[in-house]
Amino acid sequence: MSENKNLPLVEVRNLKEYFDINMGFFRSKPLKAVDDVSFTINKGETLGLVGESGCGKTTVGRTILHLYKPTAGEVIFDGKPIKTKQDIQEFRKKATMVFQDPYSSLNPRMTVSDIVGEPLDVHKLYSSKQERQERILELMGHVGLNSEHASRYAHEFSGGQRQRIGIARALAVNPEFIVCDEPVSALDVSIQAQVINMFDDLQEKLGLTYLFIAHDLLVVRHISDRIAVMYLGKMVELAEANEIYNHPLHPYSQSLLSAVPVPDPKIARANQRIALSGDIPSPLNAPSGCPFRTRCRYATEACAQSMPPFEEVAPGHFVACHRVKEIN
């Protein structure tokens, strides 16, 4: 791992991403997909981002990369705020994304060579065709593909191989930071392990920093140094990976972790499953105060009055809960 592990590479401050939803009769209402989220990712680190579907995880990743224009807040990369078009252009040479679906994220009309080489063309990162071809083969080698694959099309490959093509494309600009948006959720379990190990190896070899978005908590624990938990657009907990697993403090994190399957039947029987009542509210009509209060067994009147601050309750362990000290 990098010696610069304690130097922040990506800082996200009070990030908001609201989408205006048409309600008819010329009325619109903001859907608060990401609402006041702040965190940092250090150089050479993997930050896991978890939460149920629709909580805003993917939107966080895309907004950091300015694929969506942030409604408010700022993203700071290596000490420099990303604001102007020029900043975004420079940032995109150092930060990139691996998408969730290896089927729809690759152009079926392009060969593997052209898919992997596209970022090289966009950013003009070669001086001759020979150099371009050598770089493409080098990138394919990084992800376990060989030169014979270069002239084939994406539909000729399995899901795992397609995701490798997507990863090779993400590595083309020689990035420092990669947003991994559920990169293994569409793959078989046996292939997931191979791809996760490949991410680990690439991080070691190339000194990469990851934001790893997933809803599979076992995958996240395996790859992450720290884990952040999101619920309905808000960050509710952030801590070291083992700390979150062994001592989750937020009621939502406790419920998520109680659902993780344990291979030992004795331990599994002894584990208490914390079932949540009700459905996740719509982000269009989020509850007042704490967004989790409608499903929380500890909720009081105070939880409806105000959003709890995201506070450090133990060294490196941040939680947003009014009653965190009472319930733990």
C-alpha atoms as a PDB file:
ATOM      1  CA  MET A   1       0.000   0.000   0.000  1.00  0.00           C
ATOM      2  CA  SER A   2       1.038   3.584  -0.544  1.00  0.00           C
ATOM      3  CA  GLU A   3       3.060   5.424   2.082  1.00  0.00           C
ATOM      4  CA  ASN A   4       0.751   8.410   1.552  1.00  0.00           C
ATOM      5  CA  LYS A   5      -2.161   6.513   3.100  1.00  0.00           C
ATOM      6  CA  ASN A   6      -3.030   9.415   5.409  1.00  0.00           C
ATOM      7  CA  LEU A   7      -3.008  12.129   2.739  1.00  0.00           C
ATOM      8  CA  PRO A   8      -6.484  12.852   1.343  1.00  0.00           C
ATOM      9  CA  LEU A   9      -6.784  12.419  -2.422  1.00  0.00           C
ATOM     10  CA  VAL A  10     -10.538  13.049  -2.761  1.00  0.00           C
ATOM     11  CA  GLU A  11     -12.479  15.338  -0.432  1.00  0.00           C
ATOM     12  CA  VAL A  12     -16.254  15.624  -0.757  1.00  0.00           C
ATOM     13  CA  ARG A  13     -17.809  18.516   1.158  1.00  0.00           C
ATOM     14  CA  ASN A  14     -21.564  18.983   1.682  1.00  0.00           C
ATOM     15  CA  LEU A  15     -22.342  17.387  -1.684  1.00  0.00           C
ATOM     16  CA  LYS A  16     -25.949  17.692  -2.880  1.00  0.00           C
ATOM     17  CA  GLU A  17     -27.532  16.330  -6.042  1.00  0.00           C
ATOM     18  CA  TYR A  18     -31.203  17.201  -6.549  1.00  0.00           C
ATOM     19  CA  PHE A  19     -33.210  16.241  -9.630  1.00  0.00           C
ATOM     20  CA  ASP A  20     -36.305  18.264 -10.537  1.00  0.00           C
ATOM     21  CA  ILE A  21     -39.231  15.893 -11.036  1.00  0.00           C
ATOM     22  CA  ASN A  22     -42.189  17.092 -13.093  1.00  0.00           C
ATOM     23  CA  MET A  23     -45.362  16.831 -10.984  1.00  0.00           C
ATOM     24  CA  GLY A  24     -47.729  18.026 -13.761  1.00  0.00           C
ATOM     25  CA  PHE A  25     -49.453  21.398 -14.224  1.00  0.00           C
ATOM     26  CA  PHE A  26     -46.041  23.135 -14.574  1.00  0.00           C
ATOM     27  CA  ARG A  27     -45.048  22.103 -11.059  1.00  0.00           C
ATOM     28  CA  SER A  28     -41.811  20.378 -10.189  1.00  0.00           C
ATOM     29  CA  LYS A  29     -40.391  18.991  -6.967  1.00  0.00           C
ATOM     30  CA  PRO A  30     -36.754  18.267  -6.080  1.00  0.00           C
ATOM     31  CA  LEU A  31     -35.803  14.619  -5.608  1.00  0.00           C
ATOM     32  CA  LYS A  32     -32.938  14.732  -3.106  1.00  0.00           C
ATOM     33  CA  ALA A  33     -30.810  11.851  -4.414  1.00  0.00           C
ATOM     34  CA  VAL A  34     -27.741  13.001  -2.441  1.00  0.00           C
ATOM     35  CA  ASP A  35     -28.305  15.360   0.457  1.00  0.00           C
ATOM     36  CA  ASP A  36     -25.371  16.992   2.246  1.00  0.00           C
ATOM     37  CA  VAL A  37     -22.807  14.182   2.066  1.00  0.00           C
ATOM     38  CA  SER A  38     -19.194  14.724   3.211  1.00  0.00           C
ATOM     39  CA  PHE A  39     -16.218  12.341   3.363  1.00  0.00           C
ATOM     40  CA  THR A  40     -12.572  11.992   2.331  1.00  0.00           C
ATOM     41  CA  ILE A  41     -10.704   9.179   0.614  1.00  0.00           C
ATOM     42  CA  ASN A  42      -6.975   8.916   1.283  1.00  0.00           C
ATOM     43  CA  LYS A  43      -4.331   8.020  -1.291  1.00  0.00           C
ATOM     44  CA  GLY A  44      -4.091   4.277  -1.897  1.00  0.00           C
ATOM     45  CA  GLU A  45      -7.248   3.605   0.137  1.00  0.00           C
ATOM     46  CA  THR A  46     -10.519   1.870  -0.743  1.00  0.00           C
ATOM     47  CA  LEU A  47     -13.662   3.427   0.689  1.00  0.00           C
ATOM     48  CA  GLY A  48     -16.665   1.101   0.478  1.00  0.00           C
ATOM     49  CA  LEU A  49     -20.068   2.762   0.030  1.00  0.00           C
ATOM     50  CA  VAL A  50     -23.083   0.617   0.938  1.00  0.00           C
ATOM     51  CA  GLY A  51     -26.842   0.954   1.310  1.00  0.00           C
ATOM     52  CA  GLU A  52     -30.009  -0.467  -0.216  1.00  0.00           C
ATOM     53  CA  SER A  53     -31.080   0.206  -3.792  1.00  0.00           C
ATOM     54  CA  GLY A  54     -32.157   3.800  -4.406  1.00  0.00           C
ATOM     55  CA  CYS A  55     -30.228   5.306  -1.480  1.00  0.00           C
ATOM     56  CA  GLY A  56     -28.027   7.470  -3.743  1.00  0.00           C
ATOM     57  CA  LYS A  57     -24.763   5.481  -3.848  1.00  0.00           C
ATOM     58  CA  THR A  58     -24.346   5.551  -7.635  1.00  0.00           C
ATOM     59  CA  THR A  59     -25.379   9.215  -7.777  1.00  0.00           C
ATOM     60  CA  VAL A  60     -22.580  10.052  -5.305  1.00  0.00           C
ATOM     61  CA  GLY A  61     -20.020   8.365  -7.566  1.00  0.00           C
ATOM     62  CA  ARG A  62     -21.294  10.028 -10.731  1.00  0.00           C
ATOM     63  CA  THR A  63     -21.548  13.448  -9.101  1.00  0.00           C
ATOM     64  CA  ILE A  64     -17.969  13.237  -7.805  1.00  0.00           C
ATOM     65  CA  LEU A  65     -16.830  12.629 -11.398  1.00  0.00           C
ATOM     66  CA  HIS A  66     -19.119  15.468 -12.597  1.00  0.00           C
ATOM     67  CA  LEU A  67     -21.109  13.150 -14.839  1.00  0.00           C
ATOM     68  CA  TYR A  68     -23.939  14.947 -13.028  1.00  0.00           C
ATOM     69  CA  LYS A  69     -23.420  18.603 -12.201  1.00  0.00           C
ATOM     70  CA  PRO A  70     -23.523  18.966  -8.384  1.00  0.00           C
ATOM     71  CA  THR A  71     -26.483  20.985  -7.069  1.00  0.00           C
ATOM     72  CA  ALA A  72     -24.313  22.212  -4.187  1.00  0.00           C
ATOM     73  CA  GLY A  73     -21.125  21.354  -2.338  1.00  0.00           C
ATOM     74  CA  GLU A  74     -17.637  20.795  -3.684  1.00  0.00           C
ATOM     75  CA  VAL A  75     -15.262  18.056  -4.739  1.00  0.00           C
ATOM     76  CA  ILE A  76     -11.563  18.587  -4.043  1.00  0.00           C
ATOM     77  CA  PHE A  77      -9.036  16.364  -5.810  1.00  0.00           C
ATOM     78  CA  ASP A  78      -5.446  16.319  -4.560  1.00  0.00           C
ATOM     79  CA  GLY A  79      -5.972  19.678  -2.825  1.00  0.00           C
ATOM     80  CA  LYS A  80      -7.567  21.397  -5.829  1.00  0.00           C
ATOM     81  CA  PRO A  81     -11.324  22.172  -6.047  1.00  0.00           C
ATOM     82  CA  ILE A  82     -13.033  20.940  -9.242  1.00  0.00           C
ATOM     83  CA  LYS A  83     -15.060  23.891 -10.530  1.00  0.00           C
ATOM     84  CA  THR A  84     -14.384  25.040 -14.085  1.00  0.00           C
ATOM     85  CA  LYS A  85     -14.634  23.073 -17.345  1.00  0.00           C
ATOM     86  CA  GLN A  86     -10.844  23.069 -17.479  1.00  0.00           C
ATOM     87  CA  ASP A  87     -10.687  21.570 -13.954  1.00  0.00           C
ATOM     88  CA  ILE A  88     -13.154  18.832 -14.947  1.00  0.00           C
ATOM     89  CA  GLN A  89     -11.158  18.033 -18.098  1.00  0.00           C
ATOM     90  CA  GLU A  90      -7.922  17.697 -16.118  1.00  0.00           C
ATOM     91  CA  PHE A  91      -9.706  15.710 -13.384  1.00  0.00           C
ATOM     92  CA  ARG A  92     -11.035  13.208 -15.935  1.00  0.00           C
ATOM     93  CA  LYS A  93      -7.470  12.295 -16.866  1.00  0.00           C
ATOM     94  CA  LYS A  94      -6.863  11.250 -13.267  1.00  0.00           C
ATOM     95  CA  ALA A  95     -10.272   9.889 -12.259  1.00  0.00           C
ATOM     96  CA  THR A  96     -12.484   7.392 -14.040  1.00  0.00           C
ATOM     97  CA  MET A  97     -15.290   4.885 -13.523  1.00  0.00           C
ATOM     98  CA  VAL A  98     -16.046   1.185 -13.867  1.00  0.00           C
ATOM     99  CA  PHE A  99     -19.769   0.801 -14.551  1.00  0.00           C
ATOM    100  CA  GLN A 100     -22.163  -1.710 -13.060  1.00  0.00           C
ATOM    101  CA  ASP A 101     -23.487  -3.427 -16.157  1.00  0.00           C
ATOM    102  CA  PRO A 102     -20.811  -4.999 -18.374  1.00  0.00           C
ATOM    103  CA  TYR A 103     -23.497  -5.592 -21.040  1.00  0.00           C
ATOM    104  CA  SER A 104     -24.792  -2.061 -21.603  1.00  0.00           C
ATOM    105  CA  SER A 105     -21.584  -0.116 -20.828  1.00  0.00           C
ATOM    106  CA  LEU A 106     -19.678  -1.460 -23.871  1.00  0.00           C
ATOM    107  CA  ASN A 107     -20.438  -0.390 -27.437  1.00  0.00           C
ATOM    108  CA  PRO A 108     -21.463  -3.522 -29.416  1.00  0.00           C
ATOM    109  CA  ARG A 109     -20.210  -1.973 -32.690  1.00  0.00           C
ATOM    110  CA  MET A 110     -16.629  -1.519 -31.428  1.00  0.00           C
ATOM    111  CA  THR A 111     -13.882  -4.103 -31.147  1.00  0.00           C
ATOM    112  CA  VAL A 112     -12.168  -4.611 -27.795  1.00  0.00           C
ATOM    113  CA  SER A 113      -9.145  -2.760 -29.155  1.00  0.00           C
ATOM    114  CA  ASP A 114     -11.266   0.299 -29.984  1.00  0.00           C
ATOM    115  CA  ILE A 115     -13.155   0.204 -26.663  1.00  0.00           C
ATOM    116  CA  VAL A 116      -9.938   0.119 -24.614  1.00  0.00           C
ATOM    117  CA  GLY A 117      -8.257   2.641 -26.929  1.00  0.00           C
ATOM    118  CA  GLU A 118     -11.093   5.191 -26.894  1.00  0.00           C
ATOM    119  CA  PRO A 119      -9.834   7.116 -23.790  1.00  0.00           C
ATOM    120  CA  LEU A 120      -6.370   7.206 -25.403  1.00  0.00           C
ATOM    121  CA  ASP A 121      -7.944   8.824 -28.488  1.00  0.00           C
ATOM    122  CA  VAL A 122     -10.051  11.304 -26.484  1.00  0.00           C
ATOM    123  CA  HIS A 123      -7.133  12.522 -24.369  1.00  0.00           C
ATOM    124  CA  LYS A 124      -4.515  12.113 -27.168  1.00  0.00           C
ATOM    125  CA  LEU A 125      -2.240   9.925 -25.033  1.00  0.00           C
ATOM    126  CA  TYR A 126      -0.075   8.457 -27.792  1.00  0.00           C
ATOM    127  CA  SER A 127       2.259   9.759 -30.484  1.00  0.00           C
ATOM    128  CA  SER A 128       1.971   6.928 -33.024  1.00  0.00           C
ATOM    129  CA  LYS A 129      -0.358   4.061 -33.984  1.00  0.00           C
ATOM    130  CA  GLN A 130       2.314   1.627 -32.859  1.00  0.00           C
ATOM    131  CA  GLU A 131       2.437   3.215 -29.379  1.00  0.00           C
ATOM    132  CA  ARG A 132      -1.379   3.150 -29.193  1.00  0.00           C
ATOM    133  CA  GLN A 133      -1.503  -0.555 -30.049  1.00  0.00           C
ATOM    134  CA  GLU A 134       1.234  -1.425 -27.542  1.00  0.00           C
ATOM    135  CA  ARG A 135      -0.589   0.495 -24.793  1.00  0.00           C
ATOM    136  CA  ILE A 136      -3.891  -1.299 -25.578  1.00  0.00           C
ATOM    137  CA  LEU A 137      -2.205  -4.715 -25.350  1.00  0.00           C
ATOM    138  CA  GLU A 138      -0.495  -3.679 -22.092  1.00  0.00           C
ATOM    139  CA  LEU A 139      -3.859  -2.636 -20.592  1.00  0.00           C
ATOM    140  CA  MET A 140      -5.479  -5.881 -21.703  1.00  0.00           C
ATOM    141  CA  GLY A 141      -2.612  -7.780 -20.099  1.00  0.00           C
ATOM    142  CA  HIS A 142      -3.273  -5.983 -16.785  1.00  0.00           C
ATOM    143  CA  VAL A 143      -6.778  -7.488 -16.647  1.00  0.00           C
ATOM    144  CA  GLY A 144      -5.990 -10.992 -17.894  1.00  0.00           C
ATOM    145  CA  LEU A 145      -6.986 -10.638 -21.577  1.00  0.00           C
ATOM    146  CA  ASN A 146      -4.613 -11.586 -24.398  1.00  0.00           C
ATOM    147  CA  SER A 147      -3.819 -10.098 -27.802  1.00  0.00           C
ATOM    148  CA  GLU A 148      -6.184 -12.505 -29.603  1.00  0.00           C
ATOM    149  CA  HIS A 149      -9.131 -10.799 -27.877  1.00  0.00           C
ATOM    150  CA  ALA A 150      -8.279  -7.362 -29.323  1.00  0.00           C
ATOM    151  CA  SER A 151     -10.050  -7.792 -32.674  1.00  0.00           C
ATOM    152  CA  ARG A 152     -13.210  -9.391 -31.228  1.00  0.00           C
ATOM    153  CA  TYR A 153     -16.491  -7.704 -30.249  1.00  0.00           C
ATOM    154  CA  ALA A 154     -17.964  -7.373 -26.753  1.00  0.00           C
ATOM    155  CA  HIS A 155     -20.899  -9.738 -27.432  1.00  0.00           C
ATOM    156  CA  GLU A 156     -18.432 -12.601 -27.950  1.00  0.00           C
ATOM    157  CA  PHE A 157     -17.379 -12.478 -24.285  1.00  0.00           C
ATOM    158  CA  SER A 158     -18.863 -13.653 -20.989  1.00  0.00           C
ATOM    159  CA  GLY A 159     -20.008 -11.161 -18.326  1.00  0.00           C
ATOM    160  CA  GLY A 160     -16.761 -11.498 -16.357  1.00  0.00           C
ATOM    161  CA  GLN A 161     -14.623 -10.919 -19.450  1.00  0.00           C
ATOM    162  CA  ARG A 162     -16.732  -7.909 -20.449  1.00  0.00           C
ATOM    163  CA  GLN A 163     -16.185  -6.382 -17.028  1.00  0.00           C
ATOM    164  CA  ARG A 164     -12.429  -6.909 -17.508  1.00  0.00           C
ATOM    165  CA  ILE A 165     -12.688  -4.976 -20.791  1.00  0.00           C
ATOM    166  CA  GLY A 166     -14.460  -2.171 -18.881  1.00  0.00           C
ATOM    167  CA  ILE A 167     -11.701  -2.162 -16.250  1.00  0.00           C
ATOM    168  CA  ALA A 168      -8.991  -2.046 -18.957  1.00  0.00           C
ATOM    169  CA  ARG A 169     -10.782   0.953 -20.489  1.00  0.00           C
ATOM    170  CA  ALA A 170     -10.884   2.665 -17.070  1.00  0.00           C
ATOM    171  CA  LEU A 171      -7.120   2.133 -16.653  1.00  0.00           C
ATOM    172  CA  ALA A 172      -6.307   3.637 -20.085  1.00  0.00           C
ATOM    173  CA  VAL A 173      -5.795   7.209 -18.822  1.00  0.00           C
ATOM    174  CA  ASN A 174      -3.455   5.961 -16.086  1.00  0.00           C
ATOM    175  CA  PRO A 175      -5.850   7.188 -13.365  1.00  0.00           C
ATOM    176  CA  GLU A 176      -5.155   7.756  -9.680  1.00  0.00           C
ATOM    177  CA  PHE A 177      -8.791   7.406  -8.602  1.00  0.00           C
ATOM    178  CA  ILE A 178     -11.494   4.974  -9.814  1.00  0.00           C
ATOM    179  CA  VAL A 179     -15.181   4.945  -8.902  1.00  0.00           C
ATOM    180  CA  CYS A 180     -16.243   1.285  -8.985  1.00  0.00           C
ATOM    181  CA  ASP A 181     -20.034   1.306  -9.333  1.00  0.00           C
ATOM    182  CA  GLU A 182     -21.200  -2.157  -8.229  1.00  0.00           C
ATOM    183  CA  PRO A 183     -18.648  -3.710 -10.613  1.00  0.00           C
ATOM    184  CA  VAL A 184     -19.367  -7.319  -9.561  1.00  0.00           C
ATOM    185  CA  SER A 185     -23.118  -7.318  -8.842  1.00  0.00           C
ATOM    186  CA  ALA A 186     -24.015  -8.575 -12.349  1.00  0.00           C
ATOM    187  CA  LEU A 187     -21.469 -11.446 -12.214  1.00  0.00           C
ATOM    188  CA  ASP A 188     -21.558 -15.039 -10.937  1.00  0.00           C
ATOM    189  CA  VAL A 189     -20.155 -15.520  -7.434  1.00  0.00           C
ATOM    190  CA  SER A 190     -17.078 -17.463  -8.646  1.00  0.00           C
ATOM    191  CA  ILE A 191     -16.283 -14.694 -11.152  1.00  0.00           C
ATOM    192  CA  GLN A 192     -16.893 -12.010  -8.504  1.00  0.00           C
ATOM    193  CA  ALA A 193     -13.988 -13.350  -6.440  1.00  0.00           C
ATOM    194  CA  GLN A 194     -11.635 -13.214  -9.453  1.00  0.00           C
ATOM    195  CA  VAL A 195     -12.600  -9.624 -10.293  1.00  0.00           C
ATOM    196  CA  ILE A 196     -12.331  -8.467  -6.651  1.00  0.00           C
ATOM    197  CA  ASN A 197      -8.840 -10.027  -6.380  1.00  0.00           C
ATOM    198  CA  MET A 198      -7.902  -8.307  -9.639  1.00  0.00           C
ATOM    199  CA  PHE A 199      -8.973  -4.929  -8.191  1.00  0.00           C
ATOM    200  CA  ASP A 200      -6.743  -5.655  -5.167  1.00  0.00           C
ATOM    201  CA  ASP A 201      -3.766  -6.582  -7.376  1.00  0.00           C
ATOM    202  CA  LEU A 202      -4.198  -3.498  -9.589  1.00  0.00           C
ATOM    203  CA  GLN A 203      -4.369  -1.247  -6.523  1.00  0.00           C
ATOM    204  CA  GLU A 204      -1.108  -2.751  -5.228  1.00  0.00           C
ATOM    205  CA  LYS A 205       0.633  -2.554  -8.624  1.00  0.00           C
ATOM    206  CA  LEU A 206      -0.593   0.852  -9.839  1.00  0.00           C
ATOM    207  CA  GLY A 207      -1.163   2.682  -6.536  1.00  0.00           C
ATOM    208  CA  LEU A 208      -4.877   3.228  -7.199  1.00  0.00           C
ATOM    209  CA  THR A 209      -7.486   4.766  -4.898  1.00  0.00           C
ATOM    210  CA  TYR A 210     -11.064   3.395  -5.056  1.00  0.00           C
ATOM    211  CA  LEU A 211     -14.572   4.440  -4.141  1.00  0.00           C
ATOM    212  CA  PHE A 212     -16.155   0.979  -4.166  1.00  0.00           C
ATOM    213  CA  ILE A 213     -19.958   1.113  -4.377  1.00  0.00           C
ATOM    214  CA  ALA A 214     -21.862  -2.100  -3.605  1.00  0.00           C
ATOM    215  CA  HIS A 215     -24.798  -3.553  -1.736  1.00  0.00           C
ATOM    216  CA  ASP A 216     -23.094  -6.885  -0.968  1.00  0.00           C
ATOM    217  CA  LEU A 217     -21.578  -6.335   2.469  1.00  0.00           C
ATOM    218  CA  LEU A 218     -19.259  -9.362   2.301  1.00  0.00           C
ATOM    219  CA  VAL A 219     -17.675  -8.075  -0.922  1.00  0.00           C
ATOM    220  CA  VAL A 220     -17.263  -4.615   0.581  1.00  0.00           C
ATOM    221  CA  ARG A 221     -15.640  -5.938   3.733  1.00  0.00           C
ATOM    222  CA  HIS A 222     -13.128  -7.936   1.707  1.00  0.00           C
ATOM    223  CA  ILE A 223     -11.892  -5.005  -0.377  1.00  0.00           C
ATOM    224  CA  SER A 224     -12.455  -1.875   1.766  1.00  0.00           C
ATOM    225  CA  ASP A 225     -10.255  -0.090   4.290  1.00  0.00           C
ATOM    226  CA  ARG A 226     -13.186   2.002   5.519  1.00  0.00           C
ATOM    227  CA  ILE A 227     -16.935   1.680   4.933  1.00  0.00           C
ATOM    228  CA  ALA A 228     -19.592   4.390   4.621  1.00  0.00           C
ATOM    229  CA  VAL A 229     -23.302   3.555   4.986  1.00  0.00           C
ATOM    230  CA  MET A 230     -25.961   5.596   3.155  1.00  0.00           C
ATOM    231  CA  TYR A 231     -29.701   5.771   3.632  1.00  0.00           C
ATOM    232  CA  LEU A 232     -32.096   7.866   1.538  1.00  0.00           C
ATOM    233  CA  GLY A 233     -29.439  10.282   0.257  1.00  0.00           C
ATOM    234  CA  LYS A 234     -27.780  10.809   3.658  1.00  0.00           C
ATOM    235  CA  MET A 235     -24.575   9.395   5.117  1.00  0.00           C
ATOM    236  CA  VAL A 236     -25.485   7.639   8.393  1.00  0.00           C
ATOM    237  CA  GLU A 237     -22.234   5.931   9.433  1.00  0.00           C
ATOM    238  CA  LEU A 238     -18.538   5.852   8.472  1.00  0.00           C
ATOM    239  CA  ALA A 239     -15.733   3.860  10.102  1.00  0.00           C
ATOM    240  CA  GLU A 240     -12.924   1.337   9.564  1.00  0.00           C
ATOM    241  CA  ALA A 241     -14.226  -1.822   7.854  1.00  0.00           C
ATOM    242  CA  ASN A 242     -13.706  -4.122  10.860  1.00  0.00           C
ATOM    243  CA  GLU A 243     -15.090  -1.507  13.246  1.00  0.00           C
ATOM    244  CA  ILE A 244     -18.338  -1.254  11.240  1.00  0.00           C
ATOM    245  CA  TYR A 245     -18.654  -5.039  11.143  1.00  0.00           C
ATOM    246  CA  ASN A 246     -17.883  -5.643  14.797  1.00  0.00           C
ATOM    247  CA  HIS A 247     -19.460  -2.520  16.339  1.00  0.00           C
ATOM    248  CA  PRO A 248     -22.112  -0.963  14.080  1.00  0.00           C
ATOM    249  CA  LEU A 249     -23.617   1.982  15.995  1.00  0.00           C
ATOM    250  CA  HIS A 250     -26.403   3.251  13.739  1.00  0.00           C
ATOM    251  CA  PRO A 251     -29.675   1.230  13.890  1.00  0.00           C
ATOM    252  CA  TYR A 252     -29.706   0.984  10.081  1.00  0.00           C
ATOM    253  CA  SER A 253     -26.141  -0.387   9.940  1.00  0.00           C
ATOM    254  CA  GLN A 254     -27.033  -2.885  12.682  1.00  0.00           C
ATOM    255  CA  SER A 255     -30.008  -4.105  10.647  1.00  0.00           C
ATOM    256  CA  LEU A 256     -27.964  -4.355   7.411  1.00  0.00           C
ATOM    257  CA  LEU A 257     -25.228  -6.375   9.096  1.00  0.00           C
ATOM    258  CA  SER A 258     -27.650  -8.688  10.869  1.00  0.00           C
ATOM    259  CA  ALA A 259     -28.810  -9.808   7.394  1.00  0.00           C
ATOM    260  CA  VAL A 260     -25.335 -10.855   6.210  1.00  0.00           C
ATOM    261  CA  PRO A 261     -25.273 -14.682   5.883  1.00  0.00           C
ATOM    262  CA  VAL A 262     -22.813 -16.504   8.172  1.00  0.00           C
ATOM    263  CA  PRO A 263     -21.388 -19.853   6.952  1.00  0.00           C
ATOM    264  CA  ASP A 264     -21.359 -21.371  10.482  1.00  0.00           C
ATOM    265  CA  PRO A 265     -24.866 -22.762  11.310  1.00  0.00           C
ATOM    266  CA  LYS A 266     -24.380 -22.410  15.098  1.00  0.00           C
ATOM    267  CA  ILE A 267     -23.426 -18.738  14.841  1.00  0.00           C
ATOM    268  CA  ALA A 268     -26.175 -18.146  12.262  1.00  0.00           C
ATOM    269  CA  ARG A 269     -28.810 -19.577  14.618  1.00  0.00           C
ATOM    270  CA  ALA A 270     -27.545 -17.497  17.537  1.00  0.00           C
ATOM    271  CA  ASN A 271     -27.524 -14.284  15.475  1.00  0.00           C
ATOM    272  CA  GLN A 272     -30.507 -12.049  15.972  1.00  0.00           C
ATOM    273  CA  ARG A 273     -31.929 -10.830  12.656  1.00  0.00           C
ATOM    274  CA  ILE A 274     -33.032  -7.203  13.025  1.00  0.00           C
ATOM    275  CA  ALA A 275     -35.943  -6.898  10.604  1.00  0.00           C
ATOM    276  CA  LEU A 276     -37.000  -3.423   9.521  1.00  0.00           C
ATOM    277  CA  SER A 277     -40.675  -2.560   9.491  1.00  0.00           C
ATOM    278  CA  GLY A 278     -42.248  -0.696   6.585  1.00  0.00           C
ATOM    279  CA  ASP A 279     -40.856   0.237   3.194  1.00  0.00           C
ATOM    280  CA  ILE A 280     -38.114   2.695   2.352  1.00  0.00           C
ATOM    281  CA  PRO A 281     -39.809   6.110   1.924  1.00  0.00           C
ATOM    282  CA  SER A 282     -39.763   7.857  -1.437  1.00  0.00           C
ATOM    283  CA  PRO A 283     -36.907  10.385  -1.762  1.00  0.00           C
ATOM    284  CA  LEU A 284     -39.579  12.749  -3.164  1.00  0.00           C
ATOM    285  CA  ASN A 285     -41.406  12.669   0.182  1.00  0.00           C
ATOM    286  CA  ALA A 286     -38.598  12.019   2.640  1.00  0.00           C
ATOM    287  CA  PRO A 287     -39.549  12.143   6.332  1.00  0.00           C
ATOM    288  CA  SER A 288     -38.682  15.250   8.337  1.00  0.00           C
ATOM    289  CA  GLY A 289     -35.675  15.073  10.636  1.00  0.00           C
ATOM    290  CA  CYS A 290     -33.806  11.778  10.501  1.00  0.00           C
ATOM    291  CA  PRO A 291     -34.662   9.956   7.222  1.00  0.00           C
ATOM    292  CA  PHE A 292     -34.512   6.554   8.971  1.00  0.00           C
ATOM    293  CA  ARG A 293     -36.940   7.389  11.785  1.00  0.00           C
ATOM    294  CA  THR A 294     -40.023   5.856  10.065  1.00  0.00           C
ATOM    295  CA  ARG A 295     -38.369   2.415  10.219  1.00  0.00           C
ATOM    296  CA  CYS A 296     -36.313   2.805  13.401  1.00  0.00           C
ATOM    297  CA  ARG A 297     -37.302   1.006  16.600  1.00  0.00           C
ATOM    298  CA  TYR A 298     -35.548   3.667  18.704  1.00  0.00           C
ATOM    299  CA  ALA A 299     -37.175   6.717  17.079  1.00  0.00           C
ATOM    300  CA  THR A 300     -38.543   9.456  19.372  1.00  0.00           C
ATOM    301  CA  GLU A 301     -40.190  12.816  18.803  1.00  0.00           C
ATOM    302  CA  ALA A 302     -36.735  14.468  18.687  1.00  0.00           C
ATOM    303  CA  CYS A 303     -35.856  12.351  15.624  1.00  0.00           C
ATOM    304  CA  ALA A 304     -38.723  13.978  13.693  1.00  0.00           C
ATOM    305  CA  GLN A 305     -37.648  17.501  14.662  1.00  0.00           C
ATOM    306  CA  SER A 306     -34.131  17.685  13.233  1.00  0.00           C
ATOM    307  CA  MET A 307     -31.597  15.757  11.188  1.00  0.00           C
ATOM    308  CA  PRO A 308     -28.929  14.431  13.584  1.00  0.00           C
ATOM    309  CA  PRO A 309     -25.434  15.822  12.916  1.00  0.00           C
ATOM    310  CA  PHE A 310     -22.832  13.495  11.374  1.00  0.00           C
ATOM    311  CA  GLU A 311     -20.478  13.358  14.374  1.00  0.00           C
ATOM    312  CA  GLU A 312     -17.324  11.523  15.399  1.00  0.00           C
ATOM    313  CA  VAL A 313     -18.410   9.412  18.396  1.00  0.00           C
ATOM    314  CA  ALA A 314     -15.162   7.408  18.613  1.00  0.00           C
ATOM    315  CA  PRO A 315     -11.799   7.939  16.869  1.00  0.00           C
ATOM    316  CA  GLY A 316     -12.500   7.631  13.120  1.00  0.00           C
ATOM    317  CA  HIS A 317     -16.101   6.458  13.719  1.00  0.00           C
ATOM    318  CA  PHE A 318     -18.775   8.893  12.501  1.00  0.00           C
ATOM    319  CA  VAL A 319     -22.517   8.401  13.082  1.00  0.00           C
ATOM    320  CA  ALA A 320     -25.659  10.471  12.426  1.00  0.00           C
ATOM    321  CA  CYS A 321     -28.053   9.446  15.210  1.00  0.00           C
ATOM    322  CA  HIS A 322     -29.631  11.452  18.072  1.00  0.00           C
ATOM    323  CA  ARG A 323     -29.678   8.420  20.383  1.00  0.00           C
ATOM    324  CA  VAL A 324     -26.401   6.732  19.454  1.00  0.00           C
ATOM    325  CA  LYS A 325     -25.038   6.864  23.040  1.00  0.00           C
ATOM    326  CA  GLU A 326     -28.249   5.519  24.616  1.00  0.00           C
ATOM    327  CA  ILE A 327     -28.741   2.550  22.305  1.00  0.00           C
ATOM    328  CA  ASN A 328     -25.139   1.255  22.236  1.00  0.00           C
END
